[in-house]
């Protein structure tokens, strides 16, 4: 597990210090390792953030115990990284905010996939 200390320049990994260049994520404003990598079509985030997000998704998909929070993970990512204002991005954020609200209000069951945005994502 990586942890950033106060000066935002050193990361510690398993007790060993190493210097890592960090850059600010354009979506959530967090600091993540500077790397090259793919970008989402319309949701904007740094490649470093997407790498960390991919690690979280990998953990969720590899262990059924984490499936209960997967929908919340995906929804919060989408809301924190909306991208440029366009119809698709605005509708996506709206749908994800609605689902977050419903999850937090315990209306939807978090432990199974919900098709709330499936029709909107293809428009």
PDB file of N, CA and C in Angstrom:
ATOM      1  N   UNK A   1       0.842  -1.179   0.000  1.00  0.00           N
ATOM      2  CA  UNK A   1       0.000   0.000   0.000  1.00  0.00           C
ATOM      3  C   UNK A   1       0.883   1.235   0.000  1.00  0.00           C
ATOM      4  N   UNK A   2       0.563   2.201  -0.830  1.00  0.00           N
ATOM      5  CA  UNK A   2       1.314   3.443  -0.899  1.00  0.00           C
ATOM      6  C   UNK A   2       0.652   4.501  -0.029  1.00  0.00           C
ATOM      7  N   UNK A   3       1.462   5.309   0.622  1.00  0.00           N
ATOM      8  CA  UNK A   3       0.934   6.404   1.430  1.00  0.00           C
ATOM      9  C   UNK A   3       1.741   7.664   1.142  1.00  0.00           C
ATOM     10  N   UNK A   4       1.067   8.791   0.996  1.00  0.00           N
ATOM     11  CA  UNK A   4       1.735  10.057   0.712  1.00  0.00           C
ATOM     12  C   UNK A   4       1.934  10.790   2.023  1.00  0.00           C
ATOM     13  N   UNK A   5       3.167  11.296   2.252  1.00  0.00           N
ATOM     14  CA  UNK A   5       3.381  12.052   3.481  1.00  0.00           C
ATOM     15  C   UNK A   5       3.059  13.524   3.249  1.00  0.00           C
ATOM     16  N   UNK A   6       3.273  14.358   4.262  1.00  0.00           N
ATOM     17  CA  UNK A   6       2.844  15.752   4.225  1.00  0.00           C
ATOM     18  C   UNK A   6       3.454  16.569   3.097  1.00  0.00           C
ATOM     19  N   UNK A   7       4.695  16.303   2.725  1.00  0.00           N
ATOM     20  CA  UNK A   7       5.296  17.143   1.687  1.00  0.00           C
ATOM     21  C   UNK A   7       4.864  16.737   0.278  1.00  0.00           C
ATOM     22  N   UNK A   8       4.025  15.722   0.149  1.00  0.00           N
ATOM     23  CA  UNK A   8       3.448  15.298  -1.123  1.00  0.00           C
ATOM     24  C   UNK A   8       4.512  14.893  -2.153  1.00  0.00           C
ATOM     25  N   UNK A   9       5.736  14.616  -1.704  1.00  0.00           N
ATOM     26  CA  UNK A   9       6.792  14.253  -2.643  1.00  0.00           C
ATOM     27  C   UNK A   9       7.327  12.849  -2.427  1.00  0.00           C
ATOM     28  N   UNK A  10       7.179  12.319  -1.250  1.00  0.00           N
ATOM     29  CA  UNK A  10       7.694  10.979  -0.965  1.00  0.00           C
ATOM     30  C   UNK A  10       6.531  10.031  -0.717  1.00  0.00           C
ATOM     31  N   UNK A  11       6.661   8.866  -1.276  1.00  0.00           N
ATOM     32  CA  UNK A  11       5.706   7.800  -1.000  1.00  0.00           C
ATOM     33  C   UNK A  11       6.445   6.741  -0.208  1.00  0.00           C
ATOM     34  N   UNK A  12       5.781   6.137   0.744  1.00  0.00           N
ATOM     35  CA  UNK A  12       6.389   5.020   1.447  1.00  0.00           C
ATOM     36  C   UNK A  12       5.657   3.754   1.055  1.00  0.00           C
ATOM     37  N   UNK A  13       6.415   2.748   0.787  1.00  0.00           N
ATOM     38  CA  UNK A  13       5.843   1.465   0.397  1.00  0.00           C
ATOM     39  C   UNK A  13       6.479   0.391   1.263  1.00  0.00           C
ATOM     40  N   UNK A  14       5.673  -0.223   2.127  1.00  0.00           N
ATOM     41  CA  UNK A  14       6.137  -1.271   3.023  1.00  0.00           C
ATOM     42  C   UNK A  14       7.357  -0.822   3.831  1.00  0.00           C
ATOM     43  N   UNK A  15       7.346   0.428   4.299  1.00  0.00           N
ATOM     44  CA  UNK A  15       8.421   0.923   5.142  1.00  0.00           C
ATOM     45  C   UNK A  15       9.637   1.430   4.387  1.00  0.00           C
ATOM     46  N   UNK A  16       9.738   1.196   3.099  1.00  0.00           N
ATOM     47  CA  UNK A  16      10.865   1.682   2.313  1.00  0.00           C
ATOM     48  C   UNK A  16      10.482   3.004   1.662  1.00  0.00           C
ATOM     49  N   UNK A  17      11.354   4.004   1.781  1.00  0.00           N
ATOM     50  CA  UNK A  17      11.053   5.285   1.153  1.00  0.00           C
ATOM     51  C   UNK A  17      11.643   5.328  -0.245  1.00  0.00           C
ATOM     52  N   UNK A  18      10.902   5.931  -1.145  1.00  0.00           N
ATOM     53  CA  UNK A  18      11.393   6.170  -2.496  1.00  0.00           C
ATOM     54  C   UNK A  18      10.751   7.457  -2.985  1.00  0.00           C
ATOM     55  N   UNK A  19      11.466   8.195  -3.800  1.00  0.00           N
ATOM     56  CA  UNK A  19      10.938   9.449  -4.313  1.00  0.00           C
ATOM     57  C   UNK A  19      10.136   9.154  -5.570  1.00  0.00           C
ATOM     58  N   UNK A  20       8.916   9.676  -5.604  1.00  0.00           N
ATOM     59  CA  UNK A  20       8.030   9.470  -6.744  1.00  0.00           C
ATOM     60  C   UNK A  20       7.463  10.822  -7.152  1.00  0.00           C
ATOM     61  N   UNK A  21       7.510  11.122  -8.438  1.00  0.00           N
ATOM     62  CA  UNK A  21       6.906  12.360  -8.919  1.00  0.00           C
ATOM     63  C   UNK A  21       5.389  12.215  -8.896  1.00  0.00           C
ATOM     64  N   UNK A  22       4.735  13.204  -8.312  1.00  0.00           N
ATOM     65  CA  UNK A  22       3.281  13.177  -8.214  1.00  0.00           C
ATOM     66  C   UNK A  22       2.688  14.279  -9.078  1.00  0.00           C
ATOM     67  N   UNK A  23       1.490  14.035  -9.542  1.00  0.00           N
ATOM     68  CA  UNK A  23       0.766  15.072 -10.275  1.00  0.00           C
ATOM     69  C   UNK A  23      -0.675  15.084  -9.802  1.00  0.00           C
ATOM     70  N   UNK A  24      -1.303  16.221  -9.963  1.00  0.00           N
ATOM     71  CA  UNK A  24      -2.671  16.423  -9.496  1.00  0.00           C
ATOM     72  C   UNK A  24      -3.655  15.845 -10.513  1.00  0.00           C
ATOM     73  N   UNK A  25      -4.633  15.102 -10.017  1.00  0.00           N
ATOM     74  CA  UNK A  25      -5.683  14.560 -10.879  1.00  0.00           C
ATOM     75  C   UNK A  25      -6.596  15.708 -11.300  1.00  0.00           C
ATOM     76  N   UNK A  26      -6.887  15.807 -12.584  1.00  0.00           N
ATOM     77  CA  UNK A  26      -7.740  16.889 -13.088  1.00  0.00           C
ATOM     78  C   UNK A  26      -9.193  16.723 -12.656  1.00  0.00           C
ATOM     79  N   UNK A  27      -9.585  15.529 -12.241  1.00  0.00           N
ATOM     80  CA  UNK A  27     -10.962  15.296 -11.826  1.00  0.00           C
ATOM     81  C   UNK A  27     -11.201  15.564 -10.360  1.00  0.00           C
ATOM     82  N   UNK A  28     -10.420  14.919  -9.490  1.00  0.00           N
ATOM     83  CA  UNK A  28     -10.683  14.991  -8.049  1.00  0.00           C
ATOM     84  C   UNK A  28      -9.694  15.858  -7.290  1.00  0.00           C
ATOM     85  N   UNK A  29      -8.644  16.331  -7.956  1.00  0.00           N
ATOM     86  CA  UNK A  29      -7.635  17.198  -7.362  1.00  0.00           C
ATOM     87  C   UNK A  29      -6.702  16.461  -6.407  1.00  0.00           C
ATOM     88  N   UNK A  30      -6.773  15.134  -6.379  1.00  0.00           N
ATOM     89  CA  UNK A  30      -5.867  14.353  -5.540  1.00  0.00           C
ATOM     90  C   UNK A  30      -4.491  14.231  -6.166  1.00  0.00           C
ATOM     91  N   UNK A  31      -3.500  13.856  -5.364  1.00  0.00           N
ATOM     92  CA  UNK A  31      -2.127  13.678  -5.835  1.00  0.00           C
ATOM     93  C   UNK A  31      -1.858  12.192  -6.059  1.00  0.00           C
ATOM     94  N   UNK A  32      -1.367  11.869  -7.264  1.00  0.00           N
ATOM     95  CA  UNK A  32      -1.111  10.480  -7.641  1.00  0.00           C
ATOM     96  C   UNK A  32       0.191  10.396  -8.423  1.00  0.00           C
ATOM     97  N   UNK A  33       0.808   9.206  -8.464  1.00  0.00           N
ATOM     98  CA  UNK A  33       2.054   9.066  -9.223  1.00  0.00           C
ATOM     99  C   UNK A  33       1.877   9.521 -10.672  1.00  0.00           C
ATOM    100  N   UNK A  34       2.899  10.210 -11.181  1.00  0.00           N
ATOM    101  CA  UNK A  34       2.888  10.680 -12.559  1.00  0.00           C
ATOM    102  C   UNK A  34       3.276   9.514 -13.464  1.00  0.00           C
ATOM    103  N   UNK A  35       2.352   9.065 -14.273  1.00  0.00           N
ATOM    104  CA  UNK A  35       2.607   7.990 -15.228  1.00  0.00           C
ATOM    105  C   UNK A  35       1.874   8.298 -16.522  1.00  0.00           C
ATOM    106  N   UNK A  36       2.270   7.632 -17.585  1.00  0.00           N
ATOM    107  CA  UNK A  36       1.527   7.703 -18.842  1.00  0.00           C
ATOM    108  C   UNK A  36       0.539   6.559 -18.859  1.00  0.00           C
ATOM    109  N   UNK A  37      -0.616   6.812 -19.413  1.00  0.00           N
ATOM    110  CA  UNK A  37      -1.606   5.758 -19.486  1.00  0.00           C
ATOM    111  C   UNK A  37      -2.844   6.210 -20.222  1.00  0.00           C
ATOM    112  N   UNK A  38      -3.781   5.298 -20.416  1.00  0.00           N
ATOM    113  CA  UNK A  38      -4.987   5.608 -21.183  1.00  0.00           C
ATOM    114  C   UNK A  38      -5.923   6.556 -20.446  1.00  0.00           C
ATOM    115  N   UNK A  39      -6.726   7.254 -21.207  1.00  0.00           N
ATOM    116  CA  UNK A  39      -7.728   8.161 -20.648  1.00  0.00           C
ATOM    117  C   UNK A  39      -9.114   7.649 -21.023  1.00  0.00           C
ATOM    118  N   UNK A  40     -10.073   7.930 -20.170  1.00  0.00           N
ATOM    119  CA  UNK A  40     -11.466   7.587 -20.458  1.00  0.00           C
ATOM    120  C   UNK A  40     -11.982   8.518 -21.549  1.00  0.00           C
ATOM    121  N   UNK A  41     -12.951   8.071 -22.293  1.00  0.00           N
ATOM    122  CA  UNK A  41     -13.489   8.838 -23.409  1.00  0.00           C
ATOM    123  C   UNK A  41     -14.002  10.203 -22.990  1.00  0.00           C
ATOM    124  N   UNK A  42     -14.727  10.304 -21.878  1.00  0.00           N
ATOM    125  CA  UNK A  42     -15.223  11.615 -21.460  1.00  0.00           C
ATOM    126  C   UNK A  42     -15.047  11.907 -19.977  1.00  0.00           C
ATOM    127  N   UNK A  43     -14.818  10.914 -19.134  1.00  0.00           N
ATOM    128  CA  UNK A  43     -14.558  11.166 -17.714  1.00  0.00           C
ATOM    129  C   UNK A  43     -13.060  11.414 -17.567  1.00  0.00           C
ATOM    130  N   UNK A  44     -12.695  12.574 -17.068  1.00  0.00           N
ATOM    131  CA  UNK A  44     -11.286  12.974 -17.020  1.00  0.00           C
ATOM    132  C   UNK A  44     -10.660  12.685 -15.665  1.00  0.00           C
ATOM    133  N   UNK A  45      -9.520  12.018 -15.698  1.00  0.00           N
ATOM    134  CA  UNK A  45      -8.721  11.773 -14.506  1.00  0.00           C
ATOM    135  C   UNK A  45      -7.286  11.568 -14.945  1.00  0.00           C
ATOM    136  N   UNK A  46      -6.366  11.669 -13.999  1.00  0.00           N
ATOM    137  CA  UNK A  46      -4.963  11.430 -14.319  1.00  0.00           C
ATOM    138  C   UNK A  46      -4.738   9.926 -14.511  1.00  0.00           C
ATOM    139  N   UNK A  47      -3.696   9.601 -15.250  1.00  0.00           N
ATOM    140  CA  UNK A  47      -3.361   8.184 -15.442  1.00  0.00           C
ATOM    141  C   UNK A  47      -2.986   7.536 -14.110  1.00  0.00           C
ATOM    142  N   UNK A  48      -2.349   8.295 -13.223  1.00  0.00           N
ATOM    143  CA  UNK A  48      -2.001   7.777 -11.898  1.00  0.00           C
ATOM    144  C   UNK A  48      -3.236   7.415 -11.087  1.00  0.00           C
ATOM    145  N   UNK A  49      -4.253   8.267 -11.166  1.00  0.00           N
ATOM    146  CA  UNK A  49      -5.497   7.959 -10.463  1.00  0.00           C
ATOM    147  C   UNK A  49      -6.143   6.720 -11.061  1.00  0.00           C
ATOM    148  N   UNK A  50      -6.188   6.650 -12.391  1.00  0.00           N
ATOM    149  CA  UNK A  50      -6.822   5.498 -13.034  1.00  0.00           C
ATOM    150  C   UNK A  50      -6.100   4.199 -12.668  1.00  0.00           C
ATOM    151  N   UNK A  51      -4.782   4.277 -12.489  1.00  0.00           N
ATOM    152  CA  UNK A  51      -4.052   3.076 -12.075  1.00  0.00           C
ATOM    153  C   UNK A  51      -4.483   2.647 -10.670  1.00  0.00           C
ATOM    154  N   UNK A  52      -4.579   3.596  -9.753  1.00  0.00           N
ATOM    155  CA  UNK A  52      -5.023   3.287  -8.387  1.00  0.00           C
ATOM    156  C   UNK A  52      -6.460   2.767  -8.413  1.00  0.00           C
ATOM    157  N   UNK A  53      -7.316   3.422  -9.173  1.00  0.00           N
ATOM    158  CA  UNK A  53      -8.716   2.987  -9.309  1.00  0.00           C
ATOM    159  C   UNK A  53      -8.769   1.566  -9.871  1.00  0.00           C
ATOM    160  N   UNK A  54      -7.925   1.262 -10.836  1.00  0.00           N
ATOM    161  CA  UNK A  54      -7.862  -0.091 -11.390  1.00  0.00           C
ATOM    162  C   UNK A  54      -7.466  -1.122 -10.350  1.00  0.00           C
ATOM    163  N   UNK A  55      -6.561  -0.736  -9.449  1.00  0.00           N
ATOM    164  CA  UNK A  55      -6.164  -1.648  -8.369  1.00  0.00           C
ATOM    165  C   UNK A  55      -7.341  -1.911  -7.424  1.00  0.00           C
ATOM    166  N   UNK A  56      -8.108  -0.866  -7.149  1.00  0.00           N
ATOM    167  CA  UNK A  56      -9.295  -1.027  -6.288  1.00  0.00           C
ATOM    168  C   UNK A  56     -10.297  -1.953  -6.967  1.00  0.00           C
ATOM    169  N   UNK A  57     -10.558  -1.721  -8.255  1.00  0.00           N
ATOM    170  CA  UNK A  57     -11.493  -2.577  -8.995  1.00  0.00           C
ATOM    171  C   UNK A  57     -11.006  -4.023  -9.036  1.00  0.00           C
ATOM    172  N   UNK A  58      -9.720  -4.199  -9.233  1.00  0.00           N
ATOM    173  CA  UNK A  58      -9.149  -5.547  -9.263  1.00  0.00           C
ATOM    174  C   UNK A  58      -9.401  -6.269  -7.942  1.00  0.00           C
ATOM    175  N   UNK A  59      -9.211  -5.561  -6.839  1.00  0.00           N
ATOM    176  CA  UNK A  59      -9.460  -6.152  -5.518  1.00  0.00           C
ATOM    177  C   UNK A  59     -10.935  -6.499  -5.372  1.00  0.00           C
ATOM    178  N   UNK A  60     -11.819  -5.588  -5.805  1.00  0.00           N
ATOM    179  CA  UNK A  60     -13.254  -5.843  -5.684  1.00  0.00           C
ATOM    180  C   UNK A  60     -13.687  -7.042  -6.517  1.00  0.00           C
ATOM    181  N   UNK A  61     -13.169  -7.149  -7.734  1.00  0.00           N
ATOM    182  CA  UNK A  61     -13.554  -8.262  -8.611  1.00  0.00           C
ATOM    183  C   UNK A  61     -12.952  -9.594  -8.168  1.00  0.00           C
ATOM    184  N   UNK A  62     -11.820  -9.550  -7.449  1.00  0.00           N
ATOM    185  CA  UNK A  62     -11.153 -10.798  -7.070  1.00  0.00           C
ATOM    186  C   UNK A  62     -11.628 -11.352  -5.730  1.00  0.00           C
ATOM    187  N   UNK A  63     -12.410 -10.573  -4.985  1.00  0.00           N
ATOM    188  CA  UNK A  63     -12.853 -11.015  -3.672  1.00  0.00           C
ATOM    189  C   UNK A  63     -14.321 -10.645  -3.501  1.00  0.00           C
ATOM    190  N   UNK A  64     -15.170 -11.637  -3.419  1.00  0.00           N
ATOM    191  CA  UNK A  64     -16.616 -11.407  -3.329  1.00  0.00           C
ATOM    192  C   UNK A  64     -17.003 -10.564  -2.115  1.00  0.00           C
ATOM    193  N   UNK A  65     -16.160 -10.535  -1.107  1.00  0.00           N
ATOM    194  CA  UNK A  65     -16.464  -9.737   0.083  1.00  0.00           C
ATOM    195  C   UNK A  65     -16.538  -8.248  -0.241  1.00  0.00           C
ATOM    196  N   UNK A  66     -15.850  -7.824  -1.304  1.00  0.00           N
ATOM    197  CA  UNK A  66     -15.849  -6.417  -1.677  1.00  0.00           C
ATOM    198  C   UNK A  66     -16.976  -6.058  -2.641  1.00  0.00           C
ATOM    199  N   UNK A  67     -17.692  -7.041  -3.157  1.00  0.00           N
ATOM    200  CA  UNK A  67     -18.727  -6.736  -4.150  1.00  0.00           C
ATOM    201  C   UNK A  67     -19.808  -5.818  -3.581  1.00  0.00           C
ATOM    202  N   UNK A  68     -20.055  -5.890  -2.292  1.00  0.00           N
ATOM    203  CA  UNK A  68     -21.092  -5.069  -1.672  1.00  0.00           C
ATOM    204  C   UNK A  68     -20.823  -3.577  -1.838  1.00  0.00           C
ATOM    205  N   UNK A  69     -19.568  -3.179  -1.991  1.00  0.00           N
ATOM    206  CA  UNK A  69     -19.251  -1.759  -2.145  1.00  0.00           C
ATOM    207  C   UNK A  69     -18.871  -1.384  -3.575  1.00  0.00           C
ATOM    208  N   UNK A  70     -18.849  -2.342  -4.479  1.00  0.00           N
ATOM    209  CA  UNK A  70     -18.390  -2.060  -5.840  1.00  0.00           C
ATOM    210  C   UNK A  70     -19.210  -0.969  -6.527  1.00  0.00           C
ATOM    211  N   UNK A  71     -20.511  -1.055  -6.440  1.00  0.00           N
ATOM    212  CA  UNK A  71     -21.358  -0.064  -7.123  1.00  0.00           C
ATOM    213  C   UNK A  71     -21.065   1.340  -6.604  1.00  0.00           C
ATOM    214  N   UNK A  72     -20.860   1.463  -5.296  1.00  0.00           N
ATOM    215  CA  UNK A  72     -20.534   2.753  -4.705  1.00  0.00           C
ATOM    216  C   UNK A  72     -19.167   3.243  -5.186  1.00  0.00           C
ATOM    217  N   UNK A  73     -18.208   2.338  -5.326  1.00  0.00           N
ATOM    218  CA  UNK A  73     -16.892   2.698  -5.848  1.00  0.00           C
ATOM    219  C   UNK A  73     -17.004   3.280  -7.251  1.00  0.00           C
ATOM    220  N   UNK A  74     -17.718   2.586  -8.121  1.00  0.00           N
ATOM    221  CA  UNK A  74     -17.863   3.043  -9.505  1.00  0.00           C
ATOM    222  C   UNK A  74     -18.639   4.353  -9.590  1.00  0.00           C
ATOM    223  N   UNK A  75     -19.689   4.477  -8.811  1.00  0.00           N
ATOM    224  CA  UNK A  75     -20.497   5.695  -8.839  1.00  0.00           C
ATOM    225  C   UNK A  75     -19.721   6.904  -8.323  1.00  0.00           C
ATOM    226  N   UNK A  76     -18.971   6.734  -7.241  1.00  0.00           N
ATOM    227  CA  UNK A  76     -18.222   7.872  -6.711  1.00  0.00           C
ATOM    228  C   UNK A  76     -17.101   8.275  -7.667  1.00  0.00           C
ATOM    229  N   UNK A  77     -16.480   7.297  -8.339  1.00  0.00           N
ATOM    230  CA  UNK A  77     -15.476   7.645  -9.348  1.00  0.00           C
ATOM    231  C   UNK A  77     -16.106   8.506 -10.438  1.00  0.00           C
ATOM    232  N   UNK A  78     -17.249   8.102 -10.935  1.00  0.00           N
ATOM    233  CA  UNK A  78     -17.904   8.821 -12.030  1.00  0.00           C
ATOM    234  C   UNK A  78     -18.298  10.241 -11.617  1.00  0.00           C
ATOM    235  N   UNK A  79     -18.739  10.415 -10.384  1.00  0.00           N
ATOM    236  CA  UNK A  79     -19.142  11.738  -9.919  1.00  0.00           C
ATOM    237  C   UNK A  79     -17.920  12.633  -9.691  1.00  0.00           C
ATOM    238  N   UNK A  80     -16.834  12.068  -9.192  1.00  0.00           N
ATOM    239  CA  UNK A  80     -15.630  12.858  -8.928  1.00  0.00           C
ATOM    240  C   UNK A  80     -14.863  13.211 -10.193  1.00  0.00           C
ATOM    241  N   UNK A  81     -15.140  12.540 -11.294  1.00  0.00           N
ATOM    242  CA  UNK A  81     -14.401  12.738 -12.543  1.00  0.00           C
ATOM    243  C   UNK A  81     -15.371  12.940 -13.709  1.00  0.00           C
ATOM    244  N   UNK A  82     -16.154  14.024 -13.666  1.00  0.00           N
ATOM    245  CA  UNK A  82     -17.218  14.201 -14.664  1.00  0.00           C
ATOM    246  C   UNK A  82     -16.734  14.544 -16.062  1.00  0.00           C
ATOM    247  N   UNK A  83     -15.568  15.128 -16.201  1.00  0.00           N
ATOM    248  CA  UNK A  83     -15.086  15.524 -17.517  1.00  0.00           C
ATOM    249  C   UNK A  83     -15.664  16.853 -17.951  1.00  0.00           C
ATOM    250  N   UNK A  84     -15.630  17.099 -19.228  1.00  0.00           N
ATOM    251  CA  UNK A  84     -16.128  18.354 -19.778  1.00  0.00           C
ATOM    252  C   UNK A  84     -17.644  18.341 -19.825  1.00  0.00           C
ATOM    253  N   UNK A  85     -18.271  19.502 -19.633  1.00  0.00           N
ATOM    254  CA  UNK A  85     -19.739  19.553 -19.668  1.00  0.00           C
ATOM    255  C   UNK A  85     -20.274  19.218 -21.064  1.00  0.00           C
ATOM    256  N   UNK A  86     -20.939  18.119 -21.159  1.00  0.00           N
ATOM    257  CA  UNK A  86     -21.625  17.722 -22.386  1.00  0.00           C
ATOM    258  C   UNK A  86     -22.826  16.890 -21.947  1.00  0.00           C
ATOM    259  N   UNK A  87     -23.740  16.658 -22.841  1.00  0.00           N
ATOM    260  CA  UNK A  87     -24.963  15.941 -22.485  1.00  0.00           C
ATOM    261  C   UNK A  87     -24.665  14.586 -21.827  1.00  0.00           C
ATOM    262  N   UNK A  88     -23.765  13.827 -22.421  1.00  0.00           N
ATOM    263  CA  UNK A  88     -23.457  12.492 -21.901  1.00  0.00           C
ATOM    264  C   UNK A  88     -22.865  12.574 -20.487  1.00  0.00           C
ATOM    265  N   UNK A  89     -21.931  13.485 -20.267  1.00  0.00           N
ATOM    266  CA  UNK A  89     -21.306  13.613 -18.954  1.00  0.00           C
ATOM    267  C   UNK A  89     -22.319  14.072 -17.906  1.00  0.00           C
ATOM    268  N   UNK A  90     -23.152  15.042 -18.268  1.00  0.00           N
ATOM    269  CA  UNK A  90     -24.152  15.556 -17.327  1.00  0.00           C
ATOM    270  C   UNK A  90     -25.153  14.468 -16.949  1.00  0.00           C
ATOM    271  N   UNK A  91     -25.637  13.716 -17.940  1.00  0.00           N
ATOM    272  CA  UNK A  91     -26.577  12.629 -17.649  1.00  0.00           C
ATOM    273  C   UNK A  91     -25.913  11.541 -16.821  1.00  0.00           C
ATOM    274  N   UNK A  92     -24.657  11.249 -17.122  1.00  0.00           N
ATOM    275  CA  UNK A  92     -23.933  10.224 -16.375  1.00  0.00           C
ATOM    276  C   UNK A  92     -23.792  10.619 -14.912  1.00  0.00           C
ATOM    277  N   UNK A  93     -23.342  11.836 -14.657  1.00  0.00           N
ATOM    278  CA  UNK A  93     -23.188  12.296 -13.274  1.00  0.00           C
ATOM    279  C   UNK A  93     -24.535  12.276 -12.560  1.00  0.00           C
ATOM    280  N   UNK A  94     -25.578  12.735 -13.235  1.00  0.00           N
ATOM    281  CA  UNK A  94     -26.912  12.718 -12.625  1.00  0.00           C
ATOM    282  C   UNK A  94     -27.341  11.318 -12.227  1.00  0.00           C
ATOM    283  N   UNK A  95     -27.157  10.366 -13.126  1.00  0.00           N
ATOM    284  CA  UNK A  95     -27.549   8.983 -12.830  1.00  0.00           C
ATOM    285  C   UNK A  95     -26.729   8.408 -11.679  1.00  0.00           C
ATOM    286  N   UNK A  96     -25.431   8.678 -11.668  1.00  0.00           N
ATOM    287  CA  UNK A  96     -24.577   8.167 -10.593  1.00  0.00           C
ATOM    288  C   UNK A  96     -24.919   8.813  -9.252  1.00  0.00           C
ATOM    289  N   UNK A  97     -25.236  10.114  -9.255  1.00  0.00           N
ATOM    290  CA  UNK A  97     -25.645  10.773  -8.010  1.00  0.00           C
ATOM    291  C   UNK A  97     -26.948  10.193  -7.479  1.00  0.00           C
ATOM    292  N   UNK A  98     -27.874   9.910  -8.372  1.00  0.00           N
ATOM    293  CA  UNK A  98     -29.140   9.297  -7.951  1.00  0.00           C
ATOM    294  C   UNK A  98     -28.875   7.942  -7.308  1.00  0.00           C
ATOM    295  N   UNK A  99     -28.018   7.141  -7.960  1.00  0.00           N
ATOM    296  CA  UNK A  99     -27.745   5.817  -7.405  1.00  0.00           C
ATOM    297  C   UNK A  99     -27.014   5.916  -6.068  1.00  0.00           C
ATOM    298  N   UNK A 100     -26.073   6.854  -5.930  1.00  0.00           N
ATOM    299  CA  UNK A 100     -25.399   7.040  -4.643  1.00  0.00           C
ATOM    300  C   UNK A 100     -26.428   7.381  -3.568  1.00  0.00           C
ATOM    301  N   UNK A 101     -27.327   8.285  -3.887  1.00  0.00           N
ATOM    302  CA  UNK A 101     -28.377   8.641  -2.933  1.00  0.00           C
ATOM    303  C   UNK A 101     -29.192   7.407  -2.537  1.00  0.00           C
ATOM    304  N   UNK A 102     -29.590   6.625  -3.523  1.00  0.00           N
ATOM    305  CA  UNK A 102     -30.398   5.442  -3.225  1.00  0.00           C
ATOM    306  C   UNK A 102     -29.624   4.408  -2.414  1.00  0.00           C
ATOM    307  N   UNK A 103     -28.351   4.232  -2.725  1.00  0.00           N
ATOM    308  CA  UNK A 103     -27.521   3.301  -1.954  1.00  0.00           C
ATOM    309  C   UNK A 103     -27.411   3.776  -0.508  1.00  0.00           C
ATOM    310  N   UNK A 104     -27.118   5.051  -0.347  1.00  0.00           N
ATOM    311  CA  UNK A 104     -26.962   5.575   1.010  1.00  0.00           C
ATOM    312  C   UNK A 104     -28.277   5.547   1.788  1.00  0.00           C
ATOM    313  N   UNK A 105     -29.367   5.644   1.093  1.00  0.00           N
ATOM    314  CA  UNK A 105     -30.672   5.547   1.745  1.00  0.00           C
ATOM    315  C   UNK A 105     -31.138   4.097   1.857  1.00  0.00           C
ATOM    316  N   UNK A 106     -30.298   3.182   1.387  1.00  0.00           N
ATOM    317  CA  UNK A 106     -30.554   1.737   1.468  1.00  0.00           C
ATOM    318  C   UNK A 106     -31.801   1.298   0.711  1.00  0.00           C
ATOM    319  N   UNK A 107     -32.126   2.002  -0.353  1.00  0.00           N
ATOM    320  CA  UNK A 107     -33.250   1.606  -1.190  1.00  0.00           C
ATOM    321  C   UNK A 107     -32.806   0.509  -2.157  1.00  0.00           C
ATOM    322  N   UNK A 108     -31.597   0.650  -2.699  1.00  0.00           N
ATOM    323  CA  UNK A 108     -31.062  -0.381  -3.583  1.00  0.00           C
ATOM    324  C   UNK A 108     -30.190  -1.328  -2.772  1.00  0.00           C
ATOM    325  N   UNK A 109     -30.163  -2.570  -3.162  1.00  0.00           N
ATOM    326  CA  UNK A 109     -29.261  -3.520  -2.529  1.00  0.00           C
ATOM    327  C   UNK A 109     -27.891  -3.346  -3.146  1.00  0.00           C
ATOM    328  N   UNK A 110     -26.869  -3.091  -2.328  1.00  0.00           N
ATOM    329  CA  UNK A 110     -25.520  -2.829  -2.823  1.00  0.00           C
ATOM    330  C   UNK A 110     -24.815  -4.092  -3.303  1.00  0.00           C
ATOM    331  N   UNK A 111     -25.315  -5.250  -2.964  1.00  0.00           N
ATOM    332  CA  UNK A 111     -24.574  -6.473  -3.260  1.00  0.00           C
ATOM    333  C   UNK A 111     -24.926  -7.100  -4.601  1.00  0.00           C
ATOM    334  N   UNK A 112     -25.647  -6.398  -5.449  1.00  0.00           N
ATOM    335  CA  UNK A 112     -25.903  -6.929  -6.792  1.00  0.00           C
ATOM    336  C   UNK A 112     -25.927  -5.764  -7.778  1.00  0.00           C
ATOM    337  N   UNK A 113     -25.566  -6.014  -9.025  1.00  0.00           N
ATOM    338  CA  UNK A 113     -25.529  -4.929 -10.008  1.00  0.00           C
ATOM    339  C   UNK A 113     -26.910  -4.338 -10.239  1.00  0.00           C
ATOM    340  N   UNK A 114     -26.950  -3.052 -10.492  1.00  0.00           N
ATOM    341  CA  UNK A 114     -28.209  -2.364 -10.750  1.00  0.00           C
ATOM    342  C   UNK A 114     -28.166  -1.751 -12.144  1.00  0.00           C
ATOM    343  N   UNK A 115     -29.192  -1.924 -12.951  1.00  0.00           N
ATOM    344  CA  UNK A 115     -29.181  -1.420 -14.327  1.00  0.00           C
ATOM    345  C   UNK A 115     -29.672   0.017 -14.475  1.00  0.00           C
ATOM    346  N   UNK A 116     -29.582   0.828 -13.436  1.00  0.00           N
ATOM    347  CA  UNK A 116     -30.149   2.171 -13.444  1.00  0.00           C
ATOM    348  C   UNK A 116     -29.688   3.019 -14.627  1.00  0.00           C
ATOM    349  N   UNK A 117     -28.426   2.934 -15.029  1.00  0.00           N
ATOM    350  CA  UNK A 117     -27.918   3.810 -16.083  1.00  0.00           C
ATOM    351  C   UNK A 117     -27.768   3.123 -17.428  1.00  0.00           C
ATOM    352  N   UNK A 118     -28.116   1.873 -17.541  1.00  0.00           N
ATOM    353  CA  UNK A 118     -27.826   1.142 -18.791  1.00  0.00           C
ATOM    354  C   UNK A 118     -28.451   1.787 -20.023  1.00  0.00           C
ATOM    355  N   UNK A 119     -29.651   2.312 -19.908  1.00  0.00           N
ATOM    356  CA  UNK A 119     -30.273   2.976 -21.063  1.00  0.00           C
ATOM    357  C   UNK A 119     -29.634   4.324 -21.343  1.00  0.00           C
ATOM    358  N   UNK A 120     -29.255   5.061 -20.304  1.00  0.00           N
ATOM    359  CA  UNK A 120     -28.679   6.388 -20.476  1.00  0.00           C
ATOM    360  C   UNK A 120     -27.270   6.328 -21.039  1.00  0.00           C
ATOM    361  N   UNK A 121     -26.488   5.314 -20.655  1.00  0.00           N
ATOM    362  CA  UNK A 121     -25.107   5.234 -21.084  1.00  0.00           C
ATOM    363  C   UNK A 121     -24.979   5.047 -22.594  1.00  0.00           C
ATOM    364  N   UNK A 122     -26.013   4.588 -23.243  1.00  0.00           N
ATOM    365  CA  UNK A 122     -25.938   4.342 -24.689  1.00  0.00           C
ATOM    366  C   UNK A 122     -26.581   5.438 -25.520  1.00  0.00           C
ATOM    367  N   UNK A 123     -26.928   6.574 -24.900  1.00  0.00           N
ATOM    368  CA  UNK A 123     -27.536   7.667 -25.661  1.00  0.00           C
ATOM    369  C   UNK A 123     -26.559   8.771 -25.907  1.00  0.00           C
TER     370      UNK A 123
END
